[in-house]
Amino acid sequence: MRKLSFAIAVLATLGGASLATSASAAPGAPMGVTAPDAITHVYMTPMERRMMHRRMERRAMHRHMERRMMRREMRRDMRRGM
């Protein structure tokens, strides 16, 4: 979700840059560089934040369970070898 929000912010900035006239840009600046007032902040919706948080929790739990299974497997192999 963070990448999506960043992509939307970049597109919004570029869209604003294409609509801005050269008078709003700094003198001698390349086309597409706009004044700071053209920058908009894109915030995450509560649903996006909740989805991102749940995904992070799922991934953390997956890593935890994966490590746990590996350790159990190693212990089992150690017991069989004896």
PDB file of N, CA and C in Angstrom:
ATOM      1  N   MET A   1       0.810  -1.189   0.000  1.00  0.00           N
ATOM      2  CA  MET A   1       0.000   0.000   0.000  1.00  0.00           C
ATOM      3  C   MET A   1       0.858   1.259   0.000  1.00  0.00           C
ATOM      4  N   ARG A   2       1.995   1.175   0.665  1.00  0.00           N
ATOM      5  CA  ARG A   2       2.868   2.334   0.712  1.00  0.00           C
ATOM      6  C   ARG A   2       3.345   2.697  -0.683  1.00  0.00           C
ATOM      7  N   LYS A   3       3.667   1.670  -1.488  1.00  0.00           N
ATOM      8  CA  LYS A   3       4.105   1.923  -2.864  1.00  0.00           C
ATOM      9  C   LYS A   3       2.980   2.544  -3.666  1.00  0.00           C
ATOM     10  N   LEU A   4       1.757   2.065  -3.442  1.00  0.00           N
ATOM     11  CA  LEU A   4       0.609   2.606  -4.158  1.00  0.00           C
ATOM     12  C   LEU A   4       0.415   4.074  -3.805  1.00  0.00           C
ATOM     13  N   SER A   5       0.476   4.395  -2.518  1.00  0.00           N
ATOM     14  CA  SER A   5       0.306   5.786  -2.092  1.00  0.00           C
ATOM     15  C   SER A   5       1.410   6.660  -2.672  1.00  0.00           C
ATOM     16  N   PHE A   6       2.639   6.140  -2.685  1.00  0.00           N
ATOM     17  CA  PHE A   6       3.750   6.898  -3.246  1.00  0.00           C
ATOM     18  C   PHE A   6       3.535   7.116  -4.743  1.00  0.00           C
ATOM     19  N   ALA A   7       3.069   6.088  -5.446  1.00  0.00           N
ATOM     20  CA  ALA A   7       2.832   6.219  -6.888  1.00  0.00           C
ATOM     21  C   ALA A   7       1.755   7.260  -7.161  1.00  0.00           C
ATOM     22  N   ILE A   8       0.710   7.267  -6.339  1.00  0.00           N
ATOM     23  CA  ILE A   8      -0.360   8.257  -6.514  1.00  0.00           C
ATOM     24  C   ILE A   8       0.186   9.656  -6.268  1.00  0.00           C
ATOM     25  N   ALA A   9       1.043   9.790  -5.238  1.00  0.00           N
ATOM     26  CA  ALA A   9       1.628  11.098  -4.943  1.00  0.00           C
ATOM     27  C   ALA A   9       2.498  11.576  -6.099  1.00  0.00           C
ATOM     28  N   VAL A  10       3.281  10.659  -6.665  1.00  0.00           N
ATOM     29  CA  VAL A  10       4.149  11.030  -7.795  1.00  0.00           C
ATOM     30  C   VAL A  10       3.305  11.438  -8.995  1.00  0.00           C
ATOM     31  N   LEU A  11       2.262  10.672  -9.279  1.00  0.00           N
ATOM     32  CA  LEU A  11       1.400  11.015 -10.412  1.00  0.00           C
ATOM     33  C   LEU A  11       0.705  12.353 -10.192  1.00  0.00           C
ATOM     34  N   ALA A  12       0.260  12.596  -8.963  1.00  0.00           N
ATOM     35  CA  ALA A  12      -0.390  13.871  -8.669  1.00  0.00           C
ATOM     36  C   ALA A  12       0.589  15.025  -8.862  1.00  0.00           C
ATOM     37  N   THR A  13       1.822  14.820  -8.418  1.00  0.00           N
ATOM     38  CA  THR A  13       2.832  15.865  -8.570  1.00  0.00           C
ATOM     39  C   THR A  13       3.138  16.105 -10.042  1.00  0.00           C
ATOM     40  N   LEU A  14       3.275  15.031 -10.801  1.00  0.00           N
ATOM     41  CA  LEU A  14       3.571  15.184 -12.229  1.00  0.00           C
ATOM     42  C   LEU A  14       2.397  15.808 -12.964  1.00  0.00           C
ATOM     43  N   GLY A  15       1.190  15.439 -12.568  1.00  0.00           N
ATOM     44  CA  GLY A  15       0.011  16.033 -13.185  1.00  0.00           C
ATOM     45  C   GLY A  15      -0.036  17.528 -12.919  1.00  0.00           C
ATOM     46  N   GLY A  16       0.263  17.907 -11.678  1.00  0.00           N
ATOM     47  CA  GLY A  16       0.297  19.324 -11.341  1.00  0.00           C
ATOM     48  C   GLY A  16       1.409  20.040 -12.075  1.00  0.00           C
ATOM     49  N   ALA A  17       2.514  19.332 -12.297  1.00  0.00           N
ATOM     50  CA  ALA A  17       3.651  19.939 -12.986  1.00  0.00           C
ATOM     51  C   ALA A  17       3.328  20.206 -14.451  1.00  0.00           C
ATOM     52  N   SER A  18       2.570  19.301 -15.054  1.00  0.00           N
ATOM     53  CA  SER A  18       2.261  19.502 -16.468  1.00  0.00           C
ATOM     54  C   SER A  18       1.258  20.633 -16.654  1.00  0.00           C
ATOM     55  N   LEU A  19       0.405  20.852 -15.637  1.00  0.00           N
ATOM     56  CA  LEU A  19      -0.578  21.929 -15.742  1.00  0.00           C
ATOM     57  C   LEU A  19       0.009  23.288 -15.368  1.00  0.00           C
ATOM     58  N   ALA A  20       1.094  23.279 -14.612  1.00  0.00           N
ATOM     59  CA  ALA A  20       1.698  24.532 -14.164  1.00  0.00           C
ATOM     60  C   ALA A  20       2.367  25.231 -15.338  1.00  0.00           C
ATOM     61  N   THR A  21       2.305  26.546 -15.290  1.00  0.00           N
ATOM     62  CA  THR A  21       2.973  27.307 -16.339  1.00  0.00           C
ATOM     63  C   THR A  21       4.419  27.536 -15.955  1.00  0.00           C
ATOM     64  N   SER A  22       5.215  27.958 -16.905  1.00  0.00           N
ATOM     65  CA  SER A  22       6.628  28.177 -16.626  1.00  0.00           C
ATOM     66  C   SER A  22       6.831  29.348 -15.676  1.00  0.00           C
ATOM     67  N   ALA A  23       5.819  30.233 -15.529  1.00  0.00           N
ATOM     68  CA  ALA A  23       5.951  31.371 -14.629  1.00  0.00           C
ATOM     69  C   ALA A  23       5.983  30.917 -13.171  1.00  0.00           C
ATOM     70  N   SER A  24       5.315  29.775 -12.868  1.00  0.00           N
ATOM     71  CA  SER A  24       5.297  29.306 -11.480  1.00  0.00           C
ATOM     72  C   SER A  24       6.572  28.552 -11.137  1.00  0.00           C
ATOM     73  N   ALA A  25       7.296  28.119 -12.133  1.00  0.00           N
ATOM     74  CA  ALA A  25       8.551  27.402 -11.883  1.00  0.00           C
ATOM     75  C   ALA A  25       9.673  28.410 -11.647  1.00  0.00           C
ATOM     76  N   ALA A  26      10.727  27.928 -11.051  1.00  0.00           N
ATOM     77  CA  ALA A  26      11.868  28.802 -10.809  1.00  0.00           C
ATOM     78  C   ALA A  26      12.491  29.205 -12.148  1.00  0.00           C
ATOM     79  N   PRO A  27      13.021  30.411 -12.249  1.00  0.00           N
ATOM     80  CA  PRO A  27      13.619  30.834 -13.516  1.00  0.00           C
ATOM     81  C   PRO A  27      14.808  29.951 -13.880  1.00  0.00           C
ATOM     82  N   GLY A  28      14.821  29.501 -15.093  1.00  0.00           N
ATOM     83  CA  GLY A  28      15.917  28.671 -15.570  1.00  0.00           C
ATOM     84  C   GLY A  28      15.803  27.213 -15.150  1.00  0.00           C
ATOM     85  N   ALA A  29      14.737  26.862 -14.446  1.00  0.00           N
ATOM     86  CA  ALA A  29      14.558  25.467 -14.017  1.00  0.00           C
ATOM     87  C   ALA A  29      14.031  24.654 -15.185  1.00  0.00           C
ATOM     88  N   PRO A  30      14.354  23.383 -15.255  1.00  0.00           N
ATOM     89  CA  PRO A  30      13.842  22.555 -16.337  1.00  0.00           C
ATOM     90  C   PRO A  30      12.331  22.394 -16.245  1.00  0.00           C
ATOM     91  N   MET A  31      11.704  22.102 -17.344  1.00  0.00           N
ATOM     92  CA  MET A  31      10.250  21.950 -17.381  1.00  0.00           C
ATOM     93  C   MET A  31       9.841  20.778 -16.494  1.00  0.00           C
ATOM     94  N   GLY A  32       8.777  20.942 -15.757  1.00  0.00           N
ATOM     95  CA  GLY A  32       8.323  19.893 -14.860  1.00  0.00           C
ATOM     96  C   GLY A  32       8.678  20.177 -13.416  1.00  0.00           C
ATOM     97  N   VAL A  33       9.567  21.147 -13.177  1.00  0.00           N
ATOM     98  CA  VAL A  33       9.904  21.535 -11.807  1.00  0.00           C
ATOM     99  C   VAL A  33       8.958  22.656 -11.425  1.00  0.00           C
ATOM    100  N   THR A  34       8.169  22.429 -10.371  1.00  0.00           N
ATOM    101  CA  THR A  34       7.168  23.427  -9.997  1.00  0.00           C
ATOM    102  C   THR A  34       7.488  24.017  -8.633  1.00  0.00           C
ATOM    103  N   ALA A  35       6.764  25.045  -8.316  1.00  0.00           N
ATOM    104  CA  ALA A  35       6.925  25.701  -7.020  1.00  0.00           C
ATOM    105  C   ALA A  35       6.372  24.793  -5.925  1.00  0.00           C
ATOM    106  N   PRO A  36       6.821  24.979  -4.668  1.00  0.00           N
ATOM    107  CA  PRO A  36       6.369  24.114  -3.571  1.00  0.00           C
ATOM    108  C   PRO A  36       4.863  24.120  -3.346  1.00  0.00           C
ATOM    109  N   ASP A  37       4.159  25.193  -3.748  1.00  0.00           N
ATOM    110  CA  ASP A  37       2.706  25.227  -3.513  1.00  0.00           C
ATOM    111  C   ASP A  37       1.947  24.224  -4.396  1.00  0.00           C
ATOM    112  N   ALA A  38       2.602  23.667  -5.408  1.00  0.00           N
ATOM    113  CA  ALA A  38       1.944  22.696  -6.276  1.00  0.00           C
ATOM    114  C   ALA A  38       2.029  21.273  -5.726  1.00  0.00           C
ATOM    115  N   ILE A  39       2.790  21.074  -4.643  1.00  0.00           N
ATOM    116  CA  ILE A  39       2.960  19.737  -4.073  1.00  0.00           C
ATOM    117  C   ILE A  39       1.779  19.433  -3.164  1.00  0.00           C
ATOM    118  N   THR A  40       1.167  18.280  -3.381  1.00  0.00           N
ATOM    119  CA  THR A  40       0.050  17.859  -2.537  1.00  0.00           C
ATOM    120  C   THR A  40       0.446  16.607  -1.782  1.00  0.00           C
ATOM    121  N   HIS A  41      -0.033  16.481  -0.558  1.00  0.00           N
ATOM    122  CA  HIS A  41       0.238  15.306   0.253  1.00  0.00           C
ATOM    123  C   HIS A  41      -0.905  14.321   0.094  1.00  0.00           C
ATOM    124  N   VAL A  42      -0.561  13.068  -0.115  1.00  0.00           N
ATOM    125  CA  VAL A  42      -1.570  12.031  -0.250  1.00  0.00           C
ATOM    126  C   VAL A  42      -1.523  11.187   1.009  1.00  0.00           C
ATOM    127  N   TYR A  43      -2.625  11.156   1.721  1.00  0.00           N
ATOM    128  CA  TYR A  43      -2.680  10.398   2.960  1.00  0.00           C
ATOM    129  C   TYR A  43      -3.336   9.051   2.719  1.00  0.00           C
ATOM    130  N   MET A  44      -3.004   8.108   3.583  1.00  0.00           N
ATOM    131  CA  MET A  44      -3.567   6.772   3.499  1.00  0.00           C
ATOM    132  C   MET A  44      -4.953   6.779   4.132  1.00  0.00           C
ATOM    133  N   THR A  45      -5.883   6.103   3.510  1.00  0.00           N
ATOM    134  CA  THR A  45      -7.208   5.994   4.111  1.00  0.00           C
ATOM    135  C   THR A  45      -7.134   5.004   5.267  1.00  0.00           C
ATOM    136  N   PRO A  46      -8.081   5.075   6.207  1.00  0.00           N
ATOM    137  CA  PRO A  46      -8.065   4.116   7.317  1.00  0.00           C
ATOM    138  C   PRO A  46      -8.122   2.661   6.842  1.00  0.00           C
ATOM    139  N   MET A  47      -8.856   2.410   5.759  1.00  0.00           N
ATOM    140  CA  MET A  47      -8.942   1.046   5.242  1.00  0.00           C
ATOM    141  C   MET A  47      -7.591   0.585   4.695  1.00  0.00           C
ATOM    142  N   GLU A  48      -6.901   1.476   3.969  1.00  0.00           N
ATOM    143  CA  GLU A  48      -5.571   1.134   3.448  1.00  0.00           C
ATOM    144  C   GLU A  48      -4.597   0.859   4.581  1.00  0.00           C
ATOM    145  N   ARG A  49      -4.667   1.688   5.616  1.00  0.00           N
ATOM    146  CA  ARG A  49      -3.767   1.499   6.758  1.00  0.00           C
ATOM    147  C   ARG A  49      -4.037   0.169   7.450  1.00  0.00           C
ATOM    148  N   ARG A  50      -5.327  -0.165   7.626  1.00  0.00           N
ATOM    149  CA  ARG A  50      -5.695  -1.426   8.270  1.00  0.00           C
ATOM    150  C   ARG A  50      -5.233  -2.617   7.439  1.00  0.00           C
ATOM    151  N   MET A  51      -5.422  -2.526   6.119  1.00  0.00           N
ATOM    152  CA  MET A  51      -4.993  -3.613   5.237  1.00  0.00           C
ATOM    153  C   MET A  51      -3.476  -3.788   5.297  1.00  0.00           C
ATOM    154  N   MET A  52      -2.752  -2.686   5.300  1.00  0.00           N
ATOM    155  CA  MET A  52      -1.294  -2.763   5.351  1.00  0.00           C
ATOM    156  C   MET A  52      -0.837  -3.370   6.679  1.00  0.00           C
ATOM    157  N   HIS A  53      -1.487  -2.941   7.766  1.00  0.00           N
ATOM    158  CA  HIS A  53      -1.117  -3.449   9.080  1.00  0.00           C
ATOM    159  C   HIS A  53      -1.376  -4.952   9.169  1.00  0.00           C
ATOM    160  N   ARG A  54      -2.530  -5.379   8.673  1.00  0.00           N
ATOM    161  CA  ARG A  54      -2.853  -6.807   8.704  1.00  0.00           C
ATOM    162  C   ARG A  54      -1.882  -7.618   7.860  1.00  0.00           C
ATOM    163  N   ARG A  55      -1.495  -7.081   6.731  1.00  0.00           N
ATOM    164  CA  ARG A  55      -0.544  -7.782   5.872  1.00  0.00           C
ATOM    165  C   ARG A  55       0.801  -7.927   6.578  1.00  0.00           C
ATOM    166  N   MET A  56       1.248  -6.857   7.234  1.00  0.00           N
ATOM    167  CA  MET A  56       2.511  -6.924   7.963  1.00  0.00           C
ATOM    168  C   MET A  56       2.432  -7.957   9.083  1.00  0.00           C
ATOM    169  N   GLU A  57       1.284  -8.000   9.778  1.00  0.00           N
ATOM    170  CA  GLU A  57       1.116  -8.989  10.846  1.00  0.00           C
ATOM    171  C   GLU A  57       1.141 -10.408  10.296  1.00  0.00           C
ATOM    172  N   ARG A  58       0.467 -10.625   9.163  1.00  0.00           N
ATOM    173  CA  ARG A  58       0.453 -11.957   8.540  1.00  0.00           C
ATOM    174  C   ARG A  58       1.857 -12.389   8.149  1.00  0.00           C
ATOM    175  N   ARG A  59       2.616 -11.462   7.561  1.00  0.00           N
ATOM    176  CA  ARG A  59       3.977 -11.804   7.141  1.00  0.00           C
ATOM    177  C   ARG A  59       4.866 -12.103   8.346  1.00  0.00           C
ATOM    178  N   ALA A  60       4.707 -11.322   9.413  1.00  0.00           N
ATOM    179  CA  ALA A  60       5.496 -11.564  10.623  1.00  0.00           C
ATOM    180  C   ALA A  60       5.150 -12.931  11.210  1.00  0.00           C
ATOM    181  N   MET A  61       3.858 -13.264  11.248  1.00  0.00           N
ATOM    182  CA  MET A  61       3.447 -14.555  11.786  1.00  0.00           C
ATOM    183  C   MET A  61       3.957 -15.687  10.895  1.00  0.00           C
ATOM    184  N   HIS A  62       3.941 -15.479   9.595  1.00  0.00           N
ATOM    185  CA  HIS A  62       4.444 -16.501   8.669  1.00  0.00           C
ATOM    186  C   HIS A  62       5.932 -16.761   8.927  1.00  0.00           C
ATOM    187  N   ARG A  63       6.709 -15.674   9.075  1.00  0.00           N
ATOM    188  CA  ARG A  63       8.141 -15.823   9.366  1.00  0.00           C
ATOM    189  C   ARG A  63       8.354 -16.547  10.693  1.00  0.00           C
ATOM    190  N   HIS A  64       7.541 -16.182  11.687  1.00  0.00           N
ATOM    191  CA  HIS A  64       7.661 -16.797  13.008  1.00  0.00           C
ATOM    192  C   HIS A  64       7.389 -18.301  12.922  1.00  0.00           C
ATOM    193  N   MET A  65       6.319 -18.672  12.239  1.00  0.00           N
ATOM    194  CA  MET A  65       5.955 -20.084  12.134  1.00  0.00           C
ATOM    195  C   MET A  65       6.981 -20.849  11.306  1.00  0.00           C
ATOM    196  N   GLU A  66       7.498 -20.207  10.280  1.00  0.00           N
ATOM    197  CA  GLU A  66       8.510 -20.850   9.438  1.00  0.00           C
ATOM    198  C   GLU A  66       9.755 -21.189  10.269  1.00  0.00           C
ATOM    199  N   ARG A  67      10.215 -20.227  11.054  1.00  0.00           N
ATOM    200  CA  ARG A  67      11.383 -20.469  11.904  1.00  0.00           C
ATOM    201  C   ARG A  67      11.103 -21.541  12.937  1.00  0.00           C
ATOM    202  N   ARG A  68       9.900 -21.514  13.480  1.00  0.00           N
ATOM    203  CA  ARG A  68       9.529 -22.503  14.488  1.00  0.00           C
ATOM    204  C   ARG A  68       9.550 -23.919  13.900  1.00  0.00           C
ATOM    205  N   MET A  69       9.003 -24.048  12.685  1.00  0.00           N
ATOM    206  CA  MET A  69       8.989 -25.367  12.031  1.00  0.00           C
ATOM    207  C   MET A  69      10.409 -25.842  11.734  1.00  0.00           C
ATOM    208  N   MET A  70      11.270 -24.923  11.299  1.00  0.00           N
ATOM    209  CA  MET A  70      12.649 -25.298  11.004  1.00  0.00           C
ATOM    210  C   MET A  70      13.365 -25.799  12.260  1.00  0.00           C
ATOM    211  N   ARG A  71      13.147 -25.117  13.366  1.00  0.00           N
ATOM    212  CA  ARG A  71      13.798 -25.535  14.611  1.00  0.00           C
ATOM    213  C   ARG A  71      13.286 -26.897  15.072  1.00  0.00           C
ATOM    214  N   ARG A  72      11.974 -27.117  14.931  1.00  0.00           N
ATOM    215  CA  ARG A  72      11.415 -28.424  15.309  1.00  0.00           C
ATOM    216  C   ARG A  72      11.986 -29.529  14.439  1.00  0.00           C
ATOM    217  N   GLU A  73      12.121 -29.214  13.156  1.00  0.00           N
ATOM    218  CA  GLU A  73      12.665 -30.196  12.216  1.00  0.00           C
ATOM    219  C   GLU A  73      14.114 -30.536  12.563  1.00  0.00           C
ATOM    220  N   MET A  74      14.888 -29.514  12.918  1.00  0.00           N
ATOM    221  CA  MET A  74      16.291 -29.752  13.285  1.00  0.00           C
ATOM    222  C   MET A  74      16.382 -30.601  14.549  1.00  0.00           C
ATOM    223  N   ARG A  75      15.525 -30.310  15.534  1.00  0.00           N
ATOM    224  CA  ARG A  75      15.526 -31.112  16.764  1.00  0.00           C
ATOM    225  C   ARG A  75      15.162 -32.566  16.477  1.00  0.00           C
ATOM    226  N   ARG A  76      14.175 -32.746  15.613  1.00  0.00           N
ATOM    227  CA  ARG A  76      13.746 -34.100  15.254  1.00  0.00           C
ATOM    228  C   ARG A  76      14.887 -34.869  14.592  1.00  0.00           C
ATOM    229  N   ASP A  77      15.592 -34.187  13.685  1.00  0.00           N
ATOM    230  CA  ASP A  77      16.717 -34.822  13.002  1.00  0.00           C
ATOM    231  C   ASP A  77      17.841 -35.166  13.988  1.00  0.00           C
ATOM    232  N   MET A  78      18.059 -34.292  14.960  1.00  0.00           N
ATOM    233  CA  MET A  78      19.101 -34.547  15.959  1.00  0.00           C
ATOM    234  C   MET A  78      18.758 -35.789  16.789  1.00  0.00           C
ATOM    235  N   ARG A  79      17.478 -35.914  17.151  1.00  0.00           N
ATOM    236  CA  ARG A  79      17.065 -37.075  17.952  1.00  0.00           C
ATOM    237  C   ARG A  79      17.184 -38.369  17.159  1.00  0.00           C
ATOM    238  N   ARG A  80      16.846 -38.331  15.876  1.00  0.00           N
ATOM    239  CA  ARG A  80      16.929 -39.524  15.035  1.00  0.00           C
ATOM    240  C   ARG A  80      18.360 -39.968  14.841  1.00  0.00           C
ATOM    241  N   GLY A  81      19.263 -38.984  14.766  1.00  0.00           N
ATOM    242  CA  GLY A  81      20.667 -39.310  14.540  1.00  0.00           C
ATOM    243  C   GLY A  81      21.307 -39.996  15.716  1.00  0.00           C
ATOM    244  N   MET A  82      20.751 -39.800  16.897  1.00  0.00           N
ATOM    245  CA  MET A  82      21.375 -40.397  18.101  1.00  0.00           C
ATOM    246  C   MET A  82      21.057 -41.844  18.266  1.00  0.00           C
TER     247      MET A  82
END
